[in-house]
Each structure stands twice: as C-alpha cells, then as structure tokens.
Protein backbone atom coordinates (compact mmCIF):
# COMPACT_ATOMS: atom_id res chain seq x y z
CA MET A 1 -47.22 108.32 -74.60
CA GLN A 2 -49.73 106.11 -72.67
CA GLU A 3 -48.63 102.62 -71.59
CA PRO A 4 -50.16 99.89 -73.81
CA PHE A 5 -51.81 98.24 -70.74
CA PRO A 6 -52.32 98.77 -67.00
CA PHE A 7 -51.25 95.94 -64.62
CA ALA A 8 -51.39 94.97 -60.91
CA TYR A 9 -48.72 93.20 -58.87
CA PRO A 10 -48.33 90.46 -59.68
CA PRO A 11 -49.94 90.98 -63.15
CA PRO A 12 -52.51 88.38 -64.32
CA LEU A 13 -51.33 86.06 -67.02
CA SER A 14 -54.14 87.32 -69.25
CA VAL A 15 -52.73 90.81 -69.37
CA ILE A 16 -49.07 90.02 -69.72
CA PRO A 17 -48.09 91.56 -73.08
CA THR A 18 -46.57 89.44 -75.74
CA ALA A 19 -44.03 90.30 -78.37
CA ALA A 20 -46.76 90.68 -80.99
CA MET A 21 -48.63 93.30 -78.94
CA ILE A 22 -45.78 95.72 -78.24
CA GLU A 23 -42.74 97.02 -79.85
CA PRO A 24 -39.84 94.67 -79.05
CA SER A 25 -37.04 97.16 -78.74
CA ARG A 26 -38.81 99.43 -76.29
CA HIS A 27 -40.67 97.18 -73.83
CA ARG A 28 -38.46 94.04 -73.64
CA PRO A 29 -36.72 94.91 -70.24
CA ARG A 30 -40.06 95.62 -68.58
CA ILE A 31 -41.52 92.36 -69.80
CA VAL A 32 -38.58 90.43 -68.37
CA ALA A 33 -39.01 92.12 -64.95
CA ILE A 34 -42.73 91.32 -64.89
CA LEU A 35 -42.10 87.65 -65.71
CA CYS A 36 -39.45 87.36 -62.95
CA SER A 37 -41.74 88.94 -60.36
CA ARG A 38 -44.55 86.54 -61.24
CA LEU A 39 -42.30 83.49 -60.88
CA ALA A 40 -40.95 84.66 -57.50
CA TRP A 41 -44.49 85.14 -56.13
CA VAL A 42 -45.56 81.68 -57.21
CA SER A 43 -42.46 80.14 -55.59
CA CYS A 44 -43.20 81.85 -52.24
CA VAL A 45 -46.79 80.60 -52.20
CA ALA A 46 -45.65 77.05 -52.93
CA ALA A 47 -43.06 77.17 -50.14
CA LEU A 48 -45.62 78.36 -47.58
CA ILE A 49 -48.04 75.59 -48.54
CA GLY A 50 -45.28 72.99 -48.20
CA LEU A 51 -44.27 74.24 -44.71
CA ALA A 52 -47.87 74.14 -43.53
CA GLY A 53 -48.23 70.56 -44.70
CA CYS A 54 -44.99 69.46 -42.95
CA GLY A 55 -46.07 71.16 -39.72
CA ALA A 56 -49.39 69.35 -39.75
CA LYS A 57 -47.67 65.99 -40.28
CA THR A 58 -45.17 66.67 -37.51
CA GLU A 59 -47.91 67.70 -35.13
CA GLU A 60 -49.89 64.59 -36.02
CA LYS A 61 -46.87 62.31 -35.37
CA GLY A 62 -46.02 64.05 -32.07
CA GLY A 63 -49.57 63.58 -30.87
CA ASP A 64 -49.29 59.88 -31.50
CA LYS A 65 -46.06 59.46 -29.39
CA GLY A 66 -47.03 61.49 -26.29
CA PRO A 67 -44.52 63.06 -23.79
CA ARG A 68 -40.96 61.74 -23.65
CA PRO A 69 -40.47 59.17 -20.81
CA HIS A 70 -38.14 59.83 -17.83
CA LEU A 71 -35.12 57.54 -18.20
CA VAL A 72 -33.48 56.02 -15.10
CA GLU A 73 -30.95 53.35 -14.25
CA LEU A 74 -31.84 50.79 -11.58
CA ALA A 75 -29.91 48.50 -9.23
CA GLU A 76 -31.14 45.77 -6.95
CA ALA A 77 -30.56 45.82 -3.18
CA GLY A 78 -29.73 42.56 -1.46
CA SER A 79 -28.68 40.99 1.81
CA GLY A 80 -25.02 40.68 2.73
CA ARG A 81 -22.22 41.61 5.08
CA LEU A 82 -19.82 44.50 4.86
CA GLU A 83 -16.49 43.63 6.43
CA TYR A 84 -14.44 46.68 7.27
CA ALA A 85 -10.80 45.83 6.47
CA ALA A 86 -8.51 48.54 7.78
CA ASP A 87 -4.79 48.96 7.17
CA ARG A 88 -3.13 51.10 9.80
CA ALA A 89 0.50 51.99 10.45
CA GLY A 90 2.16 52.13 13.84
CA SER A 91 5.33 51.48 15.80
CA LEU A 92 6.13 48.54 18.01
CA ARG A 93 6.66 49.03 21.71
CA ALA A 94 7.13 46.71 24.65
CA LEU A 95 3.96 45.88 26.52
CA HIS A 96 5.87 45.81 29.82
CA GLN A 97 8.40 48.61 30.21
CA VAL A 98 9.72 49.71 33.60
CA ARG A 99 11.75 52.78 34.39
CA ILE A 100 14.16 52.22 37.27
CA VAL A 101 14.05 55.32 39.51
CA ASN A 102 15.87 55.88 42.81
CA GLN A 103 14.01 56.84 46.00
CA GLU A 104 17.04 58.18 47.91
CA GLU A 105 19.79 60.52 46.86
CA GLY A 106 23.37 59.39 47.05
CA GLN A 107 26.35 58.10 45.12
CA ILE A 108 26.22 54.99 42.95
CA VAL A 109 28.87 52.45 43.94
CA GLU A 110 27.75 49.54 41.76
CA LEU A 111 26.10 49.39 38.33
CA SER A 112 26.81 46.12 36.57
CA VAL A 113 24.33 46.03 33.65
CA ARG A 114 24.29 47.73 30.27
CA GLU A 115 21.94 48.03 27.29
CA GLY A 116 21.03 44.64 25.88
CA ASP A 117 21.83 42.68 29.05
CA ARG A 118 19.17 40.21 30.14
CA VAL A 119 18.13 40.44 33.77
CA ALA A 120 16.00 38.24 36.01
CA ALA A 121 13.23 39.45 38.26
CA GLY A 122 14.77 40.49 41.60
CA GLN A 123 18.31 40.77 40.26
CA VAL A 124 20.37 43.62 41.78
CA LEU A 125 20.91 46.39 39.26
CA VAL A 126 22.20 49.41 41.23
CA ARG A 127 23.77 49.90 44.65
CA TYR A 128 24.21 53.22 46.42
CA ASP A 129 26.64 54.08 49.21
CA ASP A 130 24.67 52.97 52.29
CA ARG A 131 27.10 53.73 55.14
CA ILE A 132 25.13 56.71 56.46
CA ALA A 133 21.85 54.84 56.18
CA ARG A 134 23.25 51.90 58.13
CA ALA A 135 24.51 54.21 60.87
CA GLU A 136 21.09 55.84 61.15
CA LEU A 137 19.52 52.39 61.45
CA ASP A 138 21.91 51.46 64.27
CA LYS A 139 21.01 54.70 66.03
CA ALA A 140 17.31 53.99 65.64
CA LEU A 141 17.75 50.45 67.01
CA ALA A 142 19.56 51.78 70.07
CA ALA A 143 16.82 54.34 70.69
CA GLN A 144 14.22 51.60 70.36
CA ALA A 145 16.00 49.42 72.91
CA GLN A 146 16.03 52.30 75.41
CA ALA A 147 12.36 53.04 74.79
CA GLU A 148 11.44 49.38 75.32
CA ALA A 149 13.32 49.29 78.63
CA ASP A 150 11.70 52.53 79.85
CA PHE A 151 8.27 51.17 78.97
CA ASP A 152 8.83 47.94 80.91
CA ARG A 153 10.02 49.85 84.01
CA ALA A 154 7.09 52.28 83.84
CA ARG A 155 4.62 49.43 83.63
CA ARG A 156 6.14 47.78 86.73
CA LEU A 157 6.06 51.01 88.68
CA VAL A 158 2.47 51.67 87.75
CA GLY A 159 1.57 48.23 89.07
CA GLU A 160 3.26 49.04 92.40
CA GLY A 161 1.53 52.41 92.58
CA PHE A 162 4.69 54.53 92.30
CA LEU A 163 3.95 56.00 88.79
CA SER A 164 0.97 57.79 87.42
CA ALA A 165 -1.04 56.67 84.41
CA GLU A 166 0.07 59.80 82.53
CA ALA A 167 3.74 58.85 82.84
CA MET A 168 2.89 55.36 81.66
CA SER A 169 1.21 56.81 78.55
CA ARG A 170 4.28 58.90 77.76
CA ALA A 171 6.53 55.83 78.00
CA GLU A 172 4.29 53.89 75.64
CA THR A 173 4.32 56.73 73.10
CA ALA A 174 8.11 56.93 73.19
CA ARG A 175 8.33 53.21 72.53
CA GLU A 176 6.06 53.44 69.46
CA LEU A 177 8.04 56.38 68.08
CA ALA A 178 11.28 54.43 68.42
CA ARG A 179 9.81 51.47 66.62
CA ALA A 180 8.60 53.71 63.78
CA GLU A 181 12.05 55.26 63.49
CA VAL A 182 13.57 51.81 63.03
CA ARG A 183 11.09 50.95 60.29
CA LEU A 184 11.87 54.22 58.52
CA SER A 185 15.62 53.66 58.68
CA ARG A 186 15.27 50.16 57.30
CA ALA A 187 13.08 51.37 54.43
CA ARG A 188 15.56 54.08 53.50
CA LEU A 189 18.38 51.55 53.59
CA SER A 190 16.47 49.18 51.31
CA HIS A 191 15.96 51.96 48.76
CA LEU A 192 19.72 52.18 48.27
CA THR A 193 19.74 48.79 46.53
CA LEU A 194 17.65 48.66 43.34
CA THR A 195 16.49 45.37 41.81
CA ALA A 196 14.76 44.41 38.54
CA PRO A 197 10.97 44.32 38.99
CA ILE A 198 10.48 42.11 35.89
CA ALA A 199 12.55 39.71 33.83
CA GLY A 200 13.63 41.28 30.58
CA VAL A 201 16.31 43.25 28.81
CA VAL A 202 17.95 46.55 29.73
CA SER A 203 17.00 49.03 27.01
CA GLN A 204 18.44 52.22 28.56
CA ARG A 205 21.30 53.06 30.91
CA LEU A 206 21.41 56.75 31.80
CA VAL A 207 23.99 56.88 34.63
CA GLU A 208 27.41 55.47 35.46
CA ALA A 209 29.00 54.09 38.60
CA GLY A 210 30.29 56.96 40.72
CA ASP A 211 27.53 59.37 39.72
CA ALA A 212 25.71 61.20 42.50
CA THR A 213 21.99 61.44 41.75
CA ALA A 214 19.09 63.30 43.30
CA ARG A 215 15.89 61.59 44.34
CA HIS A 216 13.61 60.21 41.64
CA SER A 217 16.27 60.20 38.93
CA HIS A 218 15.71 57.90 35.95
CA LEU A 219 18.60 55.42 35.98
CA LEU A 220 17.67 52.43 33.78
CA THR A 221 14.83 51.05 31.64
CA VAL A 222 13.96 47.36 31.52
CA ILE A 223 11.58 45.92 28.93
CA ASP A 224 10.05 42.52 28.23
CA PRO A 225 10.81 41.89 24.51
CA ARG A 226 8.65 38.77 24.35
CA ARG A 227 5.40 40.74 24.24
CA LEU A 228 5.21 43.68 21.84
CA VAL A 229 2.25 45.92 21.06
CA THR A 230 1.47 48.66 18.60
CA ASP A 231 -0.97 51.55 18.92
CA VAL A 232 -3.04 52.37 15.83
CA GLU A 233 -5.85 54.83 15.18
CA VAL A 234 -9.09 53.42 13.77
CA SER A 235 -12.04 55.32 12.30
CA GLU A 236 -15.10 55.87 14.47
CA LEU A 237 -17.11 53.93 11.87
CA ALA A 238 -15.21 50.71 12.59
CA LEU A 239 -14.75 51.00 16.36
CA PRO A 240 -18.24 49.67 17.25
CA ARG A 241 -17.47 46.53 15.24
CA LEU A 242 -14.11 45.77 16.84
CA ARG A 243 -13.89 43.46 19.83
CA VAL A 244 -11.13 42.80 22.33
CA GLY A 245 -9.47 39.57 21.29
CA ALA A 246 -10.27 39.96 17.58
CA ALA A 247 -7.59 38.59 15.27
CA ALA A 248 -5.23 40.91 13.41
CA ARG A 249 -2.30 40.59 11.05
CA VAL A 250 0.89 42.53 11.67
CA ARG A 251 3.55 43.10 9.03
CA ILE A 252 6.93 44.47 10.11
CA ASP A 253 8.75 46.25 7.30
CA ALA A 254 12.20 45.34 8.65
CA LEU A 255 11.32 41.62 8.61
CA GLY A 256 9.78 41.45 5.13
CA SER A 257 6.22 41.09 3.91
CA GLU A 258 5.28 38.04 5.98
CA PRO A 259 2.29 38.76 8.25
CA TYR A 260 2.41 37.73 11.91
CA SER A 261 -0.56 36.90 14.07
CA GLY A 262 -1.81 39.42 16.61
CA ARG A 263 -4.96 40.27 18.51
CA VAL A 264 -6.77 43.35 19.74
CA LEU A 265 -5.60 43.86 23.33
CA ARG A 266 -7.39 47.06 24.30
CA ILE A 267 -9.78 49.62 22.78
CA HIS A 268 -9.51 53.05 24.36
CA PRO A 269 -12.89 54.59 25.21
CA ALA A 270 -12.21 58.19 24.11
CA LEU A 271 -11.86 59.47 20.52
CA ASP A 272 -9.52 62.12 19.20
CA PRO A 273 -11.82 65.12 18.51
CA ALA A 274 -9.58 66.27 15.65
CA THR A 275 -9.49 63.01 13.67
CA ARG A 276 -12.61 61.24 15.04
CA GLY A 277 -10.43 58.17 15.47
CA GLY A 278 -9.97 55.87 18.45
CA ARG A 279 -6.80 54.27 19.79
CA VAL A 280 -6.55 50.50 19.53
CA GLU A 281 -3.73 48.40 21.01
CA VAL A 282 -2.76 45.29 19.07
CA LEU A 283 -0.64 42.64 20.81
CA LEU A 284 1.97 40.73 18.82
CA GLU A 285 2.37 37.50 20.75
CA PRO A 286 4.69 35.72 20.51
CA ALA A 287 6.99 38.35 19.09
CA PRO A 288 8.86 37.04 16.02
CA THR A 289 12.60 36.72 15.99
CA GLY A 290 14.17 40.05 15.10
CA ALA A 291 11.21 42.18 16.19
CA ARG A 292 12.25 45.15 18.32
CA PRO A 293 10.49 48.07 19.98
CA GLY A 294 10.39 51.11 17.72
CA GLN A 295 10.12 49.20 14.42
CA TYR A 296 7.61 50.38 11.83
CA CYS A 297 4.70 48.01 11.32
CA ARG A 298 1.36 47.77 9.52
CA VAL A 299 -1.73 46.29 11.13
CA THR A 300 -4.61 44.78 9.19
CA PHE A 301 -7.80 43.62 10.85
CA ALA A 302 -11.36 43.08 9.68
CA THR A 303 -14.43 44.02 11.62
CA GLU A 304 -17.20 41.55 12.26
CA GLY A 305 -19.85 41.83 9.55
CA TYR A 306 -23.58 41.77 10.28
CA GLU A 307 -26.29 40.57 7.91
CA GLN A 308 -27.91 43.71 6.55
CA VAL A 309 -29.61 45.07 3.44
CA ILE A 310 -26.85 46.30 1.14
CA ALA A 311 -27.59 48.89 -1.57
CA PRO A 312 -25.47 50.93 -4.01
CA LEU A 313 -24.23 54.12 -2.41
CA ALA A 314 -25.30 56.06 -5.53
CA ALA A 315 -28.95 55.35 -4.71
CA LEU A 316 -28.78 57.11 -1.34
CA GLN A 317 -30.14 60.68 -1.46
CA ARG A 318 -30.52 63.30 1.25
CA ASP A 319 -32.59 66.45 1.70
CA GLY A 320 -34.01 68.45 4.56
CA ALA A 321 -36.27 65.57 5.59
CA GLY A 322 -33.42 63.08 5.83
CA GLU A 323 -32.08 60.15 3.83
CA PHE A 324 -34.20 58.44 1.18
CA MET A 325 -34.15 56.26 -1.94
CA PHE A 326 -36.40 56.05 -5.00
CA VAL A 327 -37.81 52.51 -5.24
CA TYR A 328 -39.12 51.25 -8.61
CA GLN A 329 -42.70 49.98 -8.51
CA ASP A 330 -44.39 47.29 -10.62
CA ASP A 331 -46.60 49.89 -12.35
CA GLY A 332 -43.55 51.71 -13.71
CA SER A 333 -43.58 54.55 -11.17
CA VAL A 334 -41.13 55.32 -8.37
CA ARG A 335 -41.80 55.62 -4.64
CA ARG A 336 -39.76 57.75 -2.25
CA ALA A 337 -38.66 55.50 0.64
CA PRO A 338 -37.14 57.11 3.78
CA VAL A 339 -34.16 55.02 4.94
CA THR A 340 -31.53 54.89 7.68
CA SER A 341 -28.02 54.14 6.46
CA GLY A 342 -25.20 52.42 8.30
CA LEU A 343 -21.62 51.59 7.36
CA ARG A 344 -20.44 52.89 3.99
CA LEU A 345 -17.65 51.10 2.17
CA ALA A 346 -16.50 51.87 -1.38
CA ASP A 347 -19.67 52.02 -3.55
CA ARG A 348 -21.98 50.19 -1.11
CA VAL A 349 -23.92 51.19 1.97
CA GLU A 350 -25.79 49.33 4.68
CA ILE A 351 -29.50 50.16 5.01
CA LEU A 352 -30.59 49.60 8.58
CA HIS A 353 -34.25 50.60 8.14
CA GLY A 354 -36.64 51.44 5.31
CA LEU A 355 -35.59 49.08 2.49
CA GLU A 356 -36.15 45.39 1.82
CA SER A 357 -33.81 42.97 0.14
CA GLY A 358 -34.65 42.59 -3.56
CA ALA A 359 -35.98 46.13 -4.01
CA ARG A 360 -34.91 47.91 -7.21
CA VAL A 361 -33.68 51.42 -6.55
CA VAL A 362 -32.78 54.31 -8.84
CA VAL A 363 -29.04 54.99 -9.12
CA LYS A 364 -29.07 57.42 -12.09
CA GLY A 365 -31.59 59.89 -13.48
CA PHE A 366 -32.54 61.90 -10.38
CA LEU A 367 -33.05 65.22 -12.19
CA GLU A 368 -36.74 66.22 -11.84
CA LEU A 369 -37.55 62.79 -10.39
CA ALA A 370 -40.39 62.87 -7.85
CA GLU A 371 -42.78 60.63 -5.95
CA GLY A 372 -45.14 58.70 -8.27
CA ARG A 373 -43.49 59.70 -11.54
CA LYS A 374 -43.51 57.15 -14.37
CA VAL A 375 -40.03 56.11 -15.44
CA LYS A 376 -38.42 53.92 -18.04
CA PRO A 377 -35.44 51.78 -16.97
CA VAL A 378 -32.62 51.90 -19.50
CA GLY A 379 -30.10 49.76 -17.69
CA GLU A 380 -29.59 47.85 -14.49
CA ALA A 381 -26.43 48.10 -12.40
CA GLY A 382 -25.06 45.19 -10.39
CA THR A 383 -26.66 44.22 -7.13
CA GLY A 384 -25.38 45.74 -3.92
CA ALA A 385 -25.60 42.47 -2.02
CA ALA A 386 -22.11 41.18 -2.66
CA ALA A 387 -20.34 40.62 0.62
CA GLY A 388 -16.64 40.95 1.14
CA LYS A 389 -13.88 43.18 2.41
CA SER A 390 -13.35 46.77 1.47
CA PRO A 391 -10.39 48.95 2.42
CA GLU A 392 -10.93 51.93 4.64
CA GLY A 393 -11.52 55.07 2.66
CA ALA A 394 -10.30 57.69 4.99
C-alpha cells in the first residue's frame, strides 16, 4: 500500500500528517519519530547561531584590549657601602717562638729549666761538658804564641838581610793560621753553653741532663706568651679591602664569649690555589689572662667599605656578551645596560660601571624580556642602597 505522503528530512511542517489524516493505530510510531527529528534539527541550528554570536562578541572585546602586557618587578639602585664582615676560625700561637738547638755534639751536664719556667734573655739554659773544648783552646793558644814569636824573629832577620822574603811570608801565614785556630776553638767552646735568646716561658723540654746529643738537636722551645697571633684564611674577594693594622675582634672559646681587641699584623701575598683564600695574621695584643698558644679562637673583622652604586643581586644577568641589567625607562620600556659588578654580599652587589644611583632595574620577569620591550611594573622591591655588614657567604 502506498504511503499517504512523501517527505524530506527534516519534513516541512506543512506536510507533517495529523491524526485526522491517517489511521492512528498504524502510523503513530512514525509520526513520533518525525516530530523528534524535527525538534533535534531546530535545536542544532539554534546552538550554532548562539556560538557564532558569542565568538563575535569575544573577538570584539579582545580587539578592544590589545596584547597582554609583560609584567615585571622593579627595584631601585642606590649609593652605599658594602662592609665585608668575615668570621674565621683559627688557633692561637706565640708570635715569637725560638727552638733551642745545639751547635756541638756532647753530653749535657746542666739543664735547670722545665716547661712553664720563665727565663730572661741571656739566661743560661743548657751546659755541655766542655773539658775537651777547653783543652783544644789551650793548644791553639800555645800554637799561636809560637807562631807570633817565629814571625817576630823572621821580621828581624829580614831586616838584617839574613832571611829571604819568601821565608818571611811563610812565617806571617803561620801566624794568621794560629790566630784563626784560636778563634775557632773559642767559638766551639762558646757553643757548649746555651742561653735564652728572648725573655719568655719554656714551652718544651725534649732532653734531660746526662743525655748525649748530636749536632743540631732540638733541646728546648722558648715562647713569648705576651704576644699571640692567629692565622686565618680569608676569601680573595675581601683581601683587597683588608689593610695591615685594621682592627679585629678575637673571641677565645676557652675564655668565654667576650671579644678581645686585635689587629691585622700581616697579609701573605700568595693565595691557596685550592681554596682561593689568602693567609692573614691577626695579632692579639696584649694577650688576655688565660690565653695560651694552641687555643681555639674566632676572628671577626670588617673590610673598609667604599661608596658605590648598590643594586639587588637578582637584577644582575649574564650572557655571552657579559654582565648586564634591564633598566626601566620613563616611556614604559626597558633598556639593556652593560655593567661591571664588584663585591657581592647576600642579596646585594656593587656596580662599578654602567649604572647610576636611582635607576630602577628589573628583578623579576626576565622570560622573553628584550631591549625596548614595553613592560608593566607590578611591584617594587626594596632599594639596594642600604649599607651595612653582611657575613661571608663562602
């Protein structure tokens, strides 16, 4: 049987059959399907029209705003001083320390001092058995007397013409050799009695009376406890700012937390290639009561600060061309400024060349930042001009 009507998809409303046109029991499911299809098609068209309208509005709004600005954070550079305060550990030692060493071998017959005894300069410390040395001196004196007599007789005979000039020369040589032998014997005898070269305290006694020692044996050590020094290692960054005579504070752990006054005594010229540090001697004068060589101590000293442009360390950048900073301009753009940095302490850095005090530099927002780009500041960090002391980082 032929369908009561032909239809397209979706069917026009004018040809949608009604219940009066067709038999209800037979065509009701088909009518429901046609109605559902028509409603779905209308909904899709409405949705597409709505999306197109929203897209046009969004595009219109985006065109009004323009590209998103580049956000940065700025900080102001200023003038100030960076004072390098370094804390370094060391051990105390005596500035004047003398090792008593013998020049002649022999047996010790007198040794009257022990560790801790105070001695005066020139005081006798050690005596060796000098009987053989004295006998050799007597022998040398006798030989000298004979040589002097032979020389006087030869000179008289030469004057009378009974002796040649050659014989006279030999007599003079013998006299000089005898005199030299006497001087040698006296020097060897003097080396058998050892005296203190400085006033101080005996810190070591390595031999006993009755010991026989070879030449150049270490017998005693004498120190001057009134002047103590400590050797500390200082970074190569701070060495150019230290000066001989600069004040320092020394704390000795065994004596509590009280600092004692000291001064830089000597700065060694060579650096340790492994640590890039230099050796500095700090003198503790006068030494406090209870201070002893070998005690652990801590030295604190501050370098002399110079007036420089100080900027945040975060603003300093580096590439193949060298160091630079981005400086904020009045027109809202940034300028790349090549700089030369100096001492770096904590979050600040000295700028030796390339930046003026008061300049505003970028400290955050470097991604895709370039010369001449417009930026929008979103915050401003503190100025880098604050002067003060900063502990050594490494």
